[in-house]
Amino acid sequence: MRRTPRPRGVANTAITVVTGVALCSGVWLLVGAADRPAPPQPSAAEARPGGADVRAAPALPASPPDRVRIPSIHVDAPLTGLGLTESGSLDVPDPARANLAGWYEAGVTPGETGTAIVAGHVDNADGPAVFYDLGALKKGAAIEVDRRDGAVAVFTVDAVEVYEASAFPDRKVYGAAPRPELRVITCGGGYSRSTGYRGNVVVFAHLTGARR
């Protein structure tokens, strides 16, 4: 089972994102792979920060999130809380539920000051899953998170990057932030029939609004 490096000395110090069989082994691609395209991957242009000039909104109080929406790639999914496995890695949503994402509930909630973490499958044995098109997301796109307090936290995408598993920048992804930020993570980095996905797609976003 392949996994990204464990964050060291950062806000979410306990997280290691599992990217092996349970989360993104590409089982669906293995069957009839010749006529099944791999998920889209972000271009180099999307990795250069471009949304940071959009004014940040004031932080919101803590409130668990219930749903995430990314209209430009047609994501509209419930969120489940994720803890840690016995090995200290981030648990994953139920792979049988393709349209389900998770959030790290021991960290900050989306909209609070700091770095909130959302993760989800790119595919499962039946086909594409909730974040299959995450690599096609563009800078400036909106991500909306419905919170249990009735607020909708609106984030603007700053960058979309892809990393090989051996070069995963844990501090950059998980590190503390002085404003409300969001990371959305799935598998990517190309696909091999022998090893599965080679890395991760990571979306970097910051809070730019809220509504009820």
N, C-alpha and C. Protein backbone atom coordinates (compact mmCIF):
# COMPACT_ATOMS: atom_id res chain seq x y z
N MET A 1 0.85 -1.20 0.00
CA MET A 1 0.00 0.00 0.00
C MET A 1 0.87 1.23 0.00
N ARG A 2 0.67 2.14 -0.97
CA ARG A 2 1.47 3.35 -1.07
C ARG A 2 0.76 4.46 -0.31
N ARG A 3 1.55 5.35 0.29
CA ARG A 3 0.95 6.45 1.02
C ARG A 3 1.84 7.68 0.92
N THR A 4 1.24 8.85 1.06
CA THR A 4 2.02 10.07 1.03
C THR A 4 2.75 10.22 2.36
N PRO A 5 3.83 11.03 2.40
CA PRO A 5 4.61 11.15 3.62
C PRO A 5 3.80 11.71 4.78
N ARG A 6 4.18 11.31 5.98
CA ARG A 6 3.54 11.82 7.19
C ARG A 6 3.96 13.27 7.42
N PRO A 7 3.01 14.19 7.63
CA PRO A 7 3.37 15.57 7.92
C PRO A 7 4.21 15.65 9.19
N ARG A 8 5.20 16.53 9.17
CA ARG A 8 6.10 16.66 10.31
C ARG A 8 6.05 18.09 10.85
N GLY A 9 5.67 18.23 12.12
CA GLY A 9 5.72 19.51 12.78
C GLY A 9 4.77 20.55 12.20
N VAL A 10 3.60 20.14 11.72
CA VAL A 10 2.65 21.08 11.16
C VAL A 10 1.33 20.93 11.88
N ALA A 11 0.34 21.71 11.45
CA ALA A 11 -0.93 21.76 12.19
C ALA A 11 -1.60 20.39 12.26
N ASN A 12 -1.69 19.71 11.12
CA ASN A 12 -2.35 18.41 11.09
C ASN A 12 -1.30 17.32 11.20
N THR A 13 -0.59 17.29 12.32
CA THR A 13 0.60 16.45 12.43
C THR A 13 0.33 14.98 12.34
N ALA A 14 -0.91 14.55 12.57
CA ALA A 14 -1.17 13.11 12.61
C ALA A 14 -1.51 12.51 11.26
N ILE A 15 -1.77 13.35 10.26
CA ILE A 15 -2.31 12.84 9.00
C ILE A 15 -1.24 12.23 8.11
N THR A 16 -1.57 11.10 7.54
CA THR A 16 -0.90 10.58 6.37
C THR A 16 -2.01 10.18 5.42
N VAL A 17 -2.03 10.69 4.21
CA VAL A 17 -3.13 10.36 3.31
C VAL A 17 -2.86 9.03 2.63
N VAL A 18 -3.74 8.07 2.86
CA VAL A 18 -3.59 6.75 2.24
C VAL A 18 -3.98 6.84 0.77
N THR A 19 -3.10 6.36 -0.10
CA THR A 19 -3.40 6.41 -1.54
C THR A 19 -3.18 5.04 -2.16
N GLY A 20 -3.42 3.99 -1.41
CA GLY A 20 -3.22 2.65 -1.91
C GLY A 20 -4.52 2.04 -2.40
N VAL A 21 -4.67 0.76 -2.19
CA VAL A 21 -5.79 0.03 -2.76
C VAL A 21 -7.14 0.61 -2.34
N ALA A 22 -7.29 0.97 -1.09
CA ALA A 22 -8.59 1.39 -0.61
C ALA A 22 -9.05 2.70 -1.24
N LEU A 23 -8.12 3.59 -1.53
CA LEU A 23 -8.52 4.91 -2.00
C LEU A 23 -8.41 5.06 -3.51
N CYS A 24 -7.37 4.60 -4.10
CA CYS A 24 -7.19 4.89 -5.53
C CYS A 24 -6.30 3.88 -6.22
N SER A 25 -6.68 2.65 -6.20
CA SER A 25 -5.89 1.63 -6.87
C SER A 25 -6.18 1.54 -8.35
N GLY A 26 -7.26 2.18 -8.80
CA GLY A 26 -7.60 2.14 -10.20
C GLY A 26 -8.17 0.81 -10.65
N VAL A 27 -8.90 0.11 -9.77
CA VAL A 27 -9.46 -1.19 -10.12
C VAL A 27 -10.33 -1.09 -11.36
N TRP A 28 -11.11 -0.02 -11.43
CA TRP A 28 -12.02 0.16 -12.57
C TRP A 28 -11.23 0.26 -13.87
N LEU A 29 -10.08 0.93 -13.84
CA LEU A 29 -9.29 1.08 -15.05
C LEU A 29 -8.64 -0.23 -15.48
N LEU A 30 -8.39 -1.12 -14.54
CA LEU A 30 -7.73 -2.38 -14.87
C LEU A 30 -8.59 -3.24 -15.80
N VAL A 31 -9.90 -3.13 -15.67
CA VAL A 31 -10.80 -3.93 -16.49
C VAL A 31 -11.18 -3.11 -17.72
N GLY A 32 -10.75 -3.54 -18.88
CA GLY A 32 -11.04 -2.81 -20.10
C GLY A 32 -10.31 -1.49 -20.17
N ALA A 33 -9.07 -1.45 -19.64
CA ALA A 33 -8.33 -0.19 -19.55
C ALA A 33 -8.08 0.45 -20.91
N ALA A 34 -8.04 -0.34 -21.96
CA ALA A 34 -7.72 0.21 -23.28
C ALA A 34 -8.72 1.26 -23.72
N ASP A 35 -9.98 1.13 -23.32
CA ASP A 35 -10.98 2.09 -23.76
C ASP A 35 -11.52 2.94 -22.62
N ARG A 36 -10.77 3.02 -21.52
CA ARG A 36 -11.20 3.82 -20.38
C ARG A 36 -10.15 4.87 -20.06
N PRO A 37 -10.44 6.14 -20.25
CA PRO A 37 -9.44 7.18 -20.00
C PRO A 37 -9.16 7.35 -18.52
N ALA A 38 -7.90 7.64 -18.21
CA ALA A 38 -7.53 7.97 -16.83
C ALA A 38 -8.11 9.33 -16.47
N PRO A 39 -8.24 9.63 -15.19
CA PRO A 39 -8.78 10.93 -14.78
C PRO A 39 -7.93 12.08 -15.32
N PRO A 40 -8.54 13.25 -15.54
CA PRO A 40 -7.76 14.41 -16.00
C PRO A 40 -6.74 14.83 -14.95
N GLN A 41 -5.63 15.37 -15.42
CA GLN A 41 -4.57 15.86 -14.54
C GLN A 41 -4.39 17.37 -14.75
N PRO A 42 -4.07 18.11 -13.70
CA PRO A 42 -3.92 19.56 -13.85
C PRO A 42 -2.71 19.92 -14.70
N SER A 43 -2.82 21.00 -15.44
CA SER A 43 -1.71 21.49 -16.23
C SER A 43 -0.76 22.29 -15.35
N ALA A 44 0.42 22.56 -15.86
CA ALA A 44 1.40 23.35 -15.11
C ALA A 44 0.86 24.75 -14.82
N ALA A 45 0.03 25.27 -15.71
CA ALA A 45 -0.52 26.62 -15.52
C ALA A 45 -1.39 26.69 -14.27
N GLU A 46 -2.10 25.61 -13.96
CA GLU A 46 -2.97 25.62 -12.78
C GLU A 46 -2.19 25.53 -11.48
N ALA A 47 -0.93 25.12 -11.55
CA ALA A 47 -0.11 25.00 -10.35
C ALA A 47 0.44 26.34 -9.89
N ARG A 48 0.47 27.32 -10.78
CA ARG A 48 0.96 28.64 -10.40
C ARG A 48 -0.15 29.40 -9.69
N PRO A 49 0.11 29.90 -8.47
CA PRO A 49 -0.94 30.59 -7.72
C PRO A 49 -1.59 31.69 -8.54
N GLY A 50 -2.93 31.70 -8.56
CA GLY A 50 -3.63 32.69 -9.35
C GLY A 50 -4.86 33.24 -8.67
N GLY A 51 -5.28 32.65 -7.55
CA GLY A 51 -6.48 33.15 -6.87
C GLY A 51 -6.15 33.87 -5.59
N ALA A 52 -4.84 33.96 -5.25
CA ALA A 52 -4.46 34.53 -3.97
C ALA A 52 -4.80 36.01 -3.86
N ASP A 53 -4.99 36.68 -5.03
CA ASP A 53 -5.31 38.10 -5.00
C ASP A 53 -6.78 38.35 -4.70
N VAL A 54 -7.60 37.30 -4.68
CA VAL A 54 -9.01 37.45 -4.31
C VAL A 54 -9.10 37.63 -2.80
N ARG A 55 -9.74 38.69 -2.39
CA ARG A 55 -9.75 39.04 -0.96
C ARG A 55 -10.31 37.92 -0.11
N ALA A 56 -9.62 37.63 0.99
CA ALA A 56 -10.08 36.60 1.92
C ALA A 56 -11.23 37.13 2.76
N ALA A 57 -12.16 36.27 3.07
CA ALA A 57 -13.29 36.62 3.92
C ALA A 57 -12.93 36.38 5.38
N PRO A 58 -13.61 37.04 6.29
CA PRO A 58 -13.36 36.78 7.72
C PRO A 58 -13.64 35.33 8.08
N ALA A 59 -12.90 34.83 9.03
CA ALA A 59 -13.07 33.45 9.46
C ALA A 59 -14.44 33.23 10.09
N LEU A 60 -14.92 32.02 9.97
CA LEU A 60 -16.18 31.61 10.57
C LEU A 60 -15.90 30.84 11.86
N PRO A 61 -16.88 30.77 12.76
CA PRO A 61 -16.70 29.91 13.94
C PRO A 61 -16.71 28.44 13.54
N ALA A 62 -16.30 27.60 14.45
CA ALA A 62 -16.27 26.16 14.17
C ALA A 62 -17.67 25.62 13.94
N SER A 63 -17.82 24.78 12.92
CA SER A 63 -19.07 24.07 12.67
C SER A 63 -18.78 22.94 11.71
N PRO A 64 -19.20 21.72 12.03
CA PRO A 64 -18.93 20.59 11.14
C PRO A 64 -19.55 20.81 9.76
N PRO A 65 -18.90 20.35 8.71
CA PRO A 65 -19.46 20.46 7.36
C PRO A 65 -20.32 19.25 7.03
N ASP A 66 -21.33 19.47 6.21
CA ASP A 66 -22.22 18.39 5.82
C ASP A 66 -22.16 18.04 4.33
N ARG A 67 -21.72 19.01 3.50
CA ARG A 67 -21.77 18.79 2.05
C ARG A 67 -20.74 19.66 1.35
N VAL A 68 -20.19 19.16 0.26
CA VAL A 68 -19.26 19.93 -0.56
C VAL A 68 -19.79 19.98 -1.99
N ARG A 69 -19.69 21.16 -2.60
CA ARG A 69 -20.11 21.34 -3.99
C ARG A 69 -19.00 22.04 -4.76
N ILE A 70 -18.71 21.54 -5.95
CA ILE A 70 -17.76 22.20 -6.86
C ILE A 70 -18.49 22.29 -8.19
N PRO A 71 -19.25 23.35 -8.42
CA PRO A 71 -20.14 23.40 -9.58
C PRO A 71 -19.44 23.20 -10.92
N SER A 72 -18.23 23.71 -11.09
CA SER A 72 -17.59 23.66 -12.41
C SER A 72 -17.23 22.25 -12.84
N ILE A 73 -17.13 21.30 -11.88
CA ILE A 73 -16.86 19.90 -12.25
C ILE A 73 -17.99 18.99 -11.77
N HIS A 74 -19.13 19.60 -11.47
CA HIS A 74 -20.37 18.85 -11.17
C HIS A 74 -20.23 17.95 -9.94
N VAL A 75 -19.54 18.44 -8.92
CA VAL A 75 -19.46 17.72 -7.65
C VAL A 75 -20.53 18.26 -6.71
N ASP A 76 -21.30 17.38 -6.13
CA ASP A 76 -22.30 17.73 -5.12
C ASP A 76 -22.43 16.50 -4.24
N ALA A 77 -21.71 16.50 -3.13
CA ALA A 77 -21.56 15.27 -2.36
C ALA A 77 -21.67 15.51 -0.86
N PRO A 78 -22.26 14.55 -0.15
CA PRO A 78 -22.25 14.62 1.32
C PRO A 78 -20.85 14.38 1.85
N LEU A 79 -20.61 14.89 3.05
CA LEU A 79 -19.32 14.73 3.72
C LEU A 79 -19.48 13.86 4.95
N THR A 80 -18.53 12.97 5.15
CA THR A 80 -18.49 12.16 6.36
C THR A 80 -17.21 12.48 7.12
N GLY A 81 -17.25 12.39 8.43
CA GLY A 81 -16.06 12.63 9.22
C GLY A 81 -15.05 11.51 9.06
N LEU A 82 -13.77 11.89 8.97
CA LEU A 82 -12.69 10.93 8.85
C LEU A 82 -11.76 11.05 10.04
N GLY A 83 -11.40 9.91 10.59
CA GLY A 83 -10.42 9.88 11.67
C GLY A 83 -9.12 9.31 11.15
N LEU A 84 -8.38 8.67 12.04
CA LEU A 84 -7.12 8.06 11.68
C LEU A 84 -7.20 6.55 11.86
N THR A 85 -6.49 5.84 11.02
CA THR A 85 -6.41 4.39 11.16
C THR A 85 -5.41 4.04 12.26
N GLU A 86 -5.31 2.77 12.59
CA GLU A 86 -4.37 2.34 13.61
C GLU A 86 -2.93 2.65 13.24
N SER A 87 -2.65 2.74 11.95
CA SER A 87 -1.29 3.06 11.51
C SER A 87 -1.01 4.55 11.48
N GLY A 88 -2.02 5.36 11.84
CA GLY A 88 -1.83 6.80 11.87
C GLY A 88 -2.13 7.50 10.56
N SER A 89 -2.71 6.79 9.61
CA SER A 89 -3.05 7.40 8.33
C SER A 89 -4.50 7.88 8.35
N LEU A 90 -4.80 8.80 7.46
CA LEU A 90 -6.16 9.30 7.36
C LEU A 90 -7.07 8.21 6.82
N ASP A 91 -8.17 7.99 7.50
CA ASP A 91 -9.14 7.01 7.02
C ASP A 91 -9.78 7.53 5.74
N VAL A 92 -10.53 6.69 5.06
CA VAL A 92 -11.12 7.08 3.78
C VAL A 92 -12.62 6.84 3.80
N PRO A 93 -13.37 7.56 2.97
CA PRO A 93 -14.81 7.29 2.87
C PRO A 93 -15.08 5.87 2.37
N ASP A 94 -16.27 5.39 2.62
CA ASP A 94 -16.68 4.07 2.15
C ASP A 94 -16.56 4.00 0.63
N PRO A 95 -15.66 3.14 0.10
CA PRO A 95 -15.47 3.10 -1.35
C PRO A 95 -16.70 2.63 -2.12
N ALA A 96 -17.62 1.97 -1.44
CA ALA A 96 -18.84 1.53 -2.11
C ALA A 96 -19.77 2.69 -2.43
N ARG A 97 -19.58 3.81 -1.75
CA ARG A 97 -20.40 5.00 -1.98
C ARG A 97 -19.60 5.98 -2.83
N ALA A 98 -19.77 5.90 -4.12
CA ALA A 98 -18.94 6.67 -5.05
C ALA A 98 -19.07 8.18 -4.83
N ASN A 99 -20.27 8.64 -4.54
CA ASN A 99 -20.48 10.08 -4.37
C ASN A 99 -20.44 10.47 -2.90
N LEU A 100 -19.33 10.17 -2.25
CA LEU A 100 -19.13 10.50 -0.85
C LEU A 100 -17.71 11.00 -0.66
N ALA A 101 -17.57 12.14 0.02
CA ALA A 101 -16.26 12.68 0.37
C ALA A 101 -16.15 12.72 1.89
N GLY A 102 -14.95 12.96 2.38
CA GLY A 102 -14.74 13.01 3.82
C GLY A 102 -13.92 14.21 4.23
N TRP A 103 -14.02 14.57 5.50
CA TRP A 103 -13.20 15.67 6.02
C TRP A 103 -12.53 15.21 7.31
N TYR A 104 -11.34 15.73 7.57
CA TYR A 104 -10.58 15.33 8.75
C TYR A 104 -11.15 16.04 9.96
N GLU A 105 -11.94 15.31 10.75
CA GLU A 105 -12.72 15.95 11.80
C GLU A 105 -11.92 16.29 13.04
N ALA A 106 -10.67 15.87 13.15
CA ALA A 106 -9.84 16.29 14.27
C ALA A 106 -9.10 17.59 13.96
N GLY A 107 -9.22 18.06 12.72
CA GLY A 107 -8.61 19.32 12.33
C GLY A 107 -9.62 20.45 12.40
N VAL A 108 -9.30 21.58 11.78
CA VAL A 108 -10.23 22.71 11.77
C VAL A 108 -11.39 22.39 10.83
N THR A 109 -12.52 23.01 11.07
CA THR A 109 -13.67 22.84 10.18
C THR A 109 -13.56 23.85 9.04
N PRO A 110 -14.07 23.52 7.86
CA PRO A 110 -13.98 24.45 6.73
C PRO A 110 -14.61 25.80 7.04
N GLY A 111 -13.81 26.86 6.89
CA GLY A 111 -14.25 28.21 7.22
C GLY A 111 -13.56 28.78 8.44
N GLU A 112 -13.07 27.92 9.32
CA GLU A 112 -12.26 28.37 10.45
C GLU A 112 -10.88 28.80 9.97
N THR A 113 -10.20 29.61 10.80
CA THR A 113 -8.81 29.93 10.51
C THR A 113 -7.98 28.65 10.58
N GLY A 114 -7.18 28.43 9.56
CA GLY A 114 -6.35 27.22 9.50
C GLY A 114 -6.60 26.46 8.22
N THR A 115 -6.09 25.25 8.17
CA THR A 115 -6.17 24.44 6.96
C THR A 115 -7.11 23.27 7.17
N ALA A 116 -8.25 23.29 6.50
CA ALA A 116 -9.21 22.19 6.57
C ALA A 116 -8.91 21.20 5.45
N ILE A 117 -9.11 19.93 5.73
CA ILE A 117 -8.75 18.86 4.79
C ILE A 117 -10.00 18.09 4.36
N VAL A 118 -10.19 17.98 3.04
CA VAL A 118 -11.25 17.16 2.46
C VAL A 118 -10.59 16.16 1.51
N ALA A 119 -10.99 14.91 1.56
CA ALA A 119 -10.41 13.88 0.70
C ALA A 119 -11.51 12.98 0.16
N GLY A 120 -11.26 12.40 -1.00
CA GLY A 120 -12.26 11.50 -1.57
C GLY A 120 -11.66 10.62 -2.65
N HIS A 121 -12.39 9.59 -3.01
CA HIS A 121 -11.93 8.64 -4.02
C HIS A 121 -11.97 9.24 -5.41
N VAL A 122 -11.04 8.81 -6.23
CA VAL A 122 -11.07 9.17 -7.64
C VAL A 122 -11.89 8.15 -8.44
N ASP A 123 -11.89 6.92 -7.98
CA ASP A 123 -12.71 5.89 -8.61
C ASP A 123 -12.91 4.75 -7.63
N ASN A 124 -13.76 3.81 -8.01
CA ASN A 124 -13.90 2.57 -7.26
C ASN A 124 -14.07 1.44 -8.27
N ALA A 125 -14.42 0.28 -7.83
CA ALA A 125 -14.50 -0.87 -8.73
C ALA A 125 -15.57 -0.72 -9.80
N ASP A 126 -16.54 0.18 -9.56
CA ASP A 126 -17.63 0.34 -10.51
C ASP A 126 -17.42 1.46 -11.51
N GLY A 127 -16.47 2.36 -11.25
CA GLY A 127 -16.25 3.46 -12.18
C GLY A 127 -15.77 4.71 -11.47
N PRO A 128 -15.91 5.87 -12.13
CA PRO A 128 -15.47 7.13 -11.53
C PRO A 128 -16.19 7.41 -10.22
N ALA A 129 -15.46 8.03 -9.28
CA ALA A 129 -16.02 8.41 -7.99
C ALA A 129 -16.05 9.93 -7.87
N VAL A 130 -16.31 10.41 -6.66
CA VAL A 130 -16.66 11.81 -6.42
C VAL A 130 -15.63 12.80 -6.98
N PHE A 131 -14.33 12.51 -6.86
CA PHE A 131 -13.32 13.47 -7.29
C PHE A 131 -12.59 13.04 -8.56
N TYR A 132 -13.27 12.29 -9.39
CA TYR A 132 -12.65 11.83 -10.64
C TYR A 132 -12.17 12.99 -11.50
N ASP A 133 -12.92 14.09 -11.53
CA ASP A 133 -12.58 15.23 -12.38
C ASP A 133 -11.84 16.33 -11.64
N LEU A 134 -11.34 16.06 -10.44
CA LEU A 134 -10.70 17.12 -9.66
C LEU A 134 -9.51 17.73 -10.41
N GLY A 135 -8.79 16.92 -11.16
CA GLY A 135 -7.64 17.43 -11.89
C GLY A 135 -8.00 18.40 -12.99
N ALA A 136 -9.27 18.48 -13.36
CA ALA A 136 -9.72 19.42 -14.39
C ALA A 136 -10.14 20.76 -13.81
N LEU A 137 -10.10 20.89 -12.49
CA LEU A 137 -10.52 22.13 -11.85
C LEU A 137 -9.54 23.26 -12.21
N LYS A 138 -10.06 24.48 -12.34
CA LYS A 138 -9.26 25.63 -12.74
C LYS A 138 -9.13 26.64 -11.60
N LYS A 139 -8.05 27.40 -11.64
CA LYS A 139 -7.89 28.49 -10.68
C LYS A 139 -9.06 29.46 -10.79
N GLY A 140 -9.50 29.96 -9.65
CA GLY A 140 -10.62 30.89 -9.64
C GLY A 140 -11.97 30.22 -9.50
N ALA A 141 -12.02 28.89 -9.60
CA ALA A 141 -13.28 28.17 -9.45
C ALA A 141 -13.76 28.24 -8.00
N ALA A 142 -15.05 28.05 -7.81
CA ALA A 142 -15.64 28.11 -6.47
C ALA A 142 -15.83 26.71 -5.90
N ILE A 143 -15.60 26.61 -4.61
CA ILE A 143 -15.92 25.40 -3.84
C ILE A 143 -16.82 25.85 -2.70
N GLU A 144 -17.96 25.21 -2.55
CA GLU A 144 -18.92 25.57 -1.52
C GLU A 144 -19.06 24.44 -0.52
N VAL A 145 -19.06 24.79 0.75
CA VAL A 145 -19.21 23.79 1.81
C VAL A 145 -20.40 24.18 2.69
N ASP A 146 -21.40 23.31 2.73
CA ASP A 146 -22.54 23.52 3.62
C ASP A 146 -22.15 23.10 5.03
N ARG A 147 -22.36 23.99 5.99
CA ARG A 147 -21.99 23.72 7.38
C ARG A 147 -23.24 23.51 8.22
N ARG A 148 -23.06 22.82 9.33
CA ARG A 148 -24.19 22.45 10.17
C ARG A 148 -24.83 23.65 10.84
N ASP A 149 -24.11 24.78 10.94
CA ASP A 149 -24.68 25.98 11.54
C ASP A 149 -25.54 26.78 10.56
N GLY A 150 -25.72 26.25 9.34
CA GLY A 150 -26.55 26.92 8.35
C GLY A 150 -25.78 27.80 7.39
N ALA A 151 -24.50 28.03 7.66
CA ALA A 151 -23.69 28.85 6.77
C ALA A 151 -23.15 28.02 5.61
N VAL A 152 -22.98 28.67 4.47
CA VAL A 152 -22.30 28.07 3.33
C VAL A 152 -20.96 28.79 3.18
N ALA A 153 -19.87 28.08 3.39
CA ALA A 153 -18.53 28.65 3.24
C ALA A 153 -18.14 28.55 1.77
N VAL A 154 -17.74 29.68 1.19
CA VAL A 154 -17.39 29.73 -0.23
C VAL A 154 -15.88 29.96 -0.35
N PHE A 155 -15.22 29.03 -1.01
CA PHE A 155 -13.77 29.10 -1.21
C PHE A 155 -13.46 29.36 -2.68
N THR A 156 -12.35 30.06 -2.93
CA THR A 156 -11.87 30.28 -4.29
C THR A 156 -10.57 29.50 -4.49
N VAL A 157 -10.48 28.78 -5.58
CA VAL A 157 -9.31 27.95 -5.86
C VAL A 157 -8.11 28.82 -6.23
N ASP A 158 -7.01 28.62 -5.51
CA ASP A 158 -5.76 29.34 -5.77
C ASP A 158 -4.85 28.58 -6.73
N ALA A 159 -4.83 27.27 -6.62
CA ALA A 159 -3.96 26.45 -7.46
C ALA A 159 -4.42 25.01 -7.41
N VAL A 160 -4.09 24.26 -8.46
CA VAL A 160 -4.36 22.82 -8.52
C VAL A 160 -3.05 22.16 -8.91
N GLU A 161 -2.53 21.31 -8.03
CA GLU A 161 -1.21 20.74 -8.25
C GLU A 161 -1.26 19.22 -8.19
N VAL A 162 -0.27 18.59 -8.79
CA VAL A 162 -0.16 17.14 -8.76
C VAL A 162 1.24 16.77 -8.30
N TYR A 163 1.34 15.78 -7.41
CA TYR A 163 2.62 15.39 -6.83
C TYR A 163 2.81 13.89 -6.93
N GLU A 164 4.03 13.50 -7.23
CA GLU A 164 4.40 12.10 -7.10
C GLU A 164 4.39 11.74 -5.62
N ALA A 165 4.08 10.51 -5.30
CA ALA A 165 4.00 10.09 -3.90
C ALA A 165 5.32 10.31 -3.17
N SER A 166 6.43 10.12 -3.86
CA SER A 166 7.74 10.25 -3.22
C SER A 166 8.14 11.69 -2.96
N ALA A 167 7.37 12.64 -3.52
CA ALA A 167 7.73 14.06 -3.38
C ALA A 167 6.55 14.87 -2.83
N PHE A 168 5.71 14.21 -2.05
CA PHE A 168 4.53 14.90 -1.53
C PHE A 168 4.96 15.96 -0.51
N PRO A 169 4.58 17.25 -0.71
CA PRO A 169 5.03 18.34 0.17
C PRO A 169 4.13 18.49 1.39
N ASP A 170 4.37 17.68 2.41
CA ASP A 170 3.44 17.63 3.53
C ASP A 170 3.23 18.98 4.20
N ARG A 171 4.29 19.75 4.40
CA ARG A 171 4.13 21.05 5.06
C ARG A 171 3.27 22.00 4.23
N LYS A 172 3.49 21.99 2.93
CA LYS A 172 2.71 22.87 2.05
C LYS A 172 1.24 22.50 2.05
N VAL A 173 0.95 21.22 2.05
CA VAL A 173 -0.44 20.77 1.99
C VAL A 173 -1.14 20.87 3.33
N TYR A 174 -0.50 20.41 4.39
CA TYR A 174 -1.16 20.29 5.69
C TYR A 174 -0.85 21.43 6.66
N GLY A 175 0.14 22.27 6.33
CA GLY A 175 0.64 23.24 7.29
C GLY A 175 -0.38 24.26 7.73
N ALA A 176 -0.12 24.86 8.89
CA ALA A 176 -1.01 25.87 9.44
C ALA A 176 -1.09 27.07 8.51
N ALA A 177 -2.24 27.73 8.49
CA ALA A 177 -2.45 28.91 7.65
C ALA A 177 -3.02 30.04 8.52
N PRO A 178 -2.67 31.30 8.22
CA PRO A 178 -3.16 32.42 9.03
C PRO A 178 -4.56 32.86 8.66
N ARG A 179 -5.15 32.23 7.64
CA ARG A 179 -6.50 32.55 7.19
C ARG A 179 -7.24 31.23 6.95
N PRO A 180 -8.53 31.25 6.73
CA PRO A 180 -9.25 30.00 6.45
C PRO A 180 -8.89 29.46 5.06
N GLU A 181 -8.33 28.26 5.04
CA GLU A 181 -7.95 27.64 3.78
C GLU A 181 -8.52 26.23 3.71
N LEU A 182 -8.53 25.70 2.49
CA LEU A 182 -9.09 24.37 2.26
C LEU A 182 -8.17 23.62 1.32
N ARG A 183 -7.97 22.33 1.60
CA ARG A 183 -7.28 21.43 0.68
C ARG A 183 -8.26 20.32 0.30
N VAL A 184 -8.33 20.03 -0.98
CA VAL A 184 -9.14 18.92 -1.47
C VAL A 184 -8.19 17.95 -2.17
N ILE A 185 -8.20 16.69 -1.75
CA ILE A 185 -7.17 15.74 -2.16
C ILE A 185 -7.79 14.48 -2.74
N THR A 186 -7.23 14.03 -3.84
CA THR A 186 -7.56 12.72 -4.39
C THR A 186 -6.32 12.15 -5.05
N CYS A 187 -6.47 11.07 -5.79
CA CYS A 187 -5.32 10.44 -6.43
C CYS A 187 -5.07 11.00 -7.81
N GLY A 188 -3.83 10.87 -8.25
CA GLY A 188 -3.46 11.37 -9.58
C GLY A 188 -2.01 11.06 -9.87
N GLY A 189 -1.40 11.91 -10.65
CA GLY A 189 0.01 11.72 -10.97
C GLY A 189 0.26 10.67 -12.02
N GLY A 190 -0.75 10.35 -12.81
CA GLY A 190 -0.60 9.29 -13.80
C GLY A 190 -0.99 7.95 -13.23
N TYR A 191 -1.22 6.99 -14.10
CA TYR A 191 -1.71 5.68 -13.69
C TYR A 191 -0.89 4.57 -14.31
N SER A 192 -0.54 3.60 -13.49
CA SER A 192 0.18 2.42 -13.96
C SER A 192 -0.63 1.19 -13.62
N ARG A 193 -0.76 0.25 -14.56
CA ARG A 193 -1.54 -0.96 -14.31
C ARG A 193 -0.88 -1.82 -13.23
N SER A 194 0.41 -1.64 -13.02
CA SER A 194 1.12 -2.46 -12.02
C SER A 194 1.08 -1.86 -10.63
N THR A 195 1.06 -0.53 -10.52
CA THR A 195 1.15 0.11 -9.20
C THR A 195 -0.03 1.01 -8.87
N GLY A 196 -0.95 1.23 -9.82
CA GLY A 196 -2.06 2.13 -9.57
C GLY A 196 -1.65 3.57 -9.81
N TYR A 197 -2.31 4.50 -9.13
CA TYR A 197 -1.99 5.92 -9.29
C TYR A 197 -0.66 6.24 -8.62
N ARG A 198 0.09 7.13 -9.24
CA ARG A 198 1.45 7.40 -8.77
C ARG A 198 1.53 8.50 -7.73
N GLY A 199 0.48 9.25 -7.52
CA GLY A 199 0.57 10.36 -6.58
C GLY A 199 -0.79 10.92 -6.24
N ASN A 200 -0.83 12.25 -6.07
CA ASN A 200 -2.05 12.91 -5.62
C ASN A 200 -2.28 14.22 -6.36
N VAL A 201 -3.55 14.52 -6.60
CA VAL A 201 -3.97 15.85 -7.01
C VAL A 201 -4.42 16.60 -5.76
N VAL A 202 -3.93 17.83 -5.60
CA VAL A 202 -4.28 18.64 -4.44
C VAL A 202 -4.78 20.00 -4.90
N VAL A 203 -5.95 20.39 -4.42
CA VAL A 203 -6.51 21.71 -4.69
C VAL A 203 -6.25 22.60 -3.49
N PHE A 204 -5.73 23.79 -3.73
CA PHE A 204 -5.49 24.79 -2.70
C PHE A 204 -6.53 25.90 -2.88
N ALA A 205 -7.25 26.23 -1.80
CA ALA A 205 -8.28 27.26 -1.89
C ALA A 205 -8.34 28.04 -0.59
N HIS A 206 -8.92 29.24 -0.64
CA HIS A 206 -9.08 30.04 0.57
C HIS A 206 -10.51 30.60 0.62
N LEU A 207 -10.96 30.91 1.83
CA LEU A 207 -12.32 31.39 2.06
C LEU A 207 -12.48 32.80 1.49
N THR A 208 -13.49 32.98 0.64
CA THR A 208 -13.73 34.31 0.05
C THR A 208 -15.15 34.80 0.28
N GLY A 209 -15.96 34.01 0.96
CA GLY A 209 -17.31 34.47 1.23
C GLY A 209 -18.08 33.47 2.07
N ALA A 210 -19.25 33.91 2.52
CA ALA A 210 -20.14 33.03 3.29
C ALA A 210 -21.55 33.56 3.12
N ARG A 211 -22.50 32.64 3.14
CA ARG A 211 -23.91 33.04 3.03
C ARG A 211 -24.75 32.04 3.81
N ARG A 212 -25.99 32.42 4.02
CA ARG A 212 -26.95 31.53 4.68
C ARG A 212 -28.16 31.32 3.81
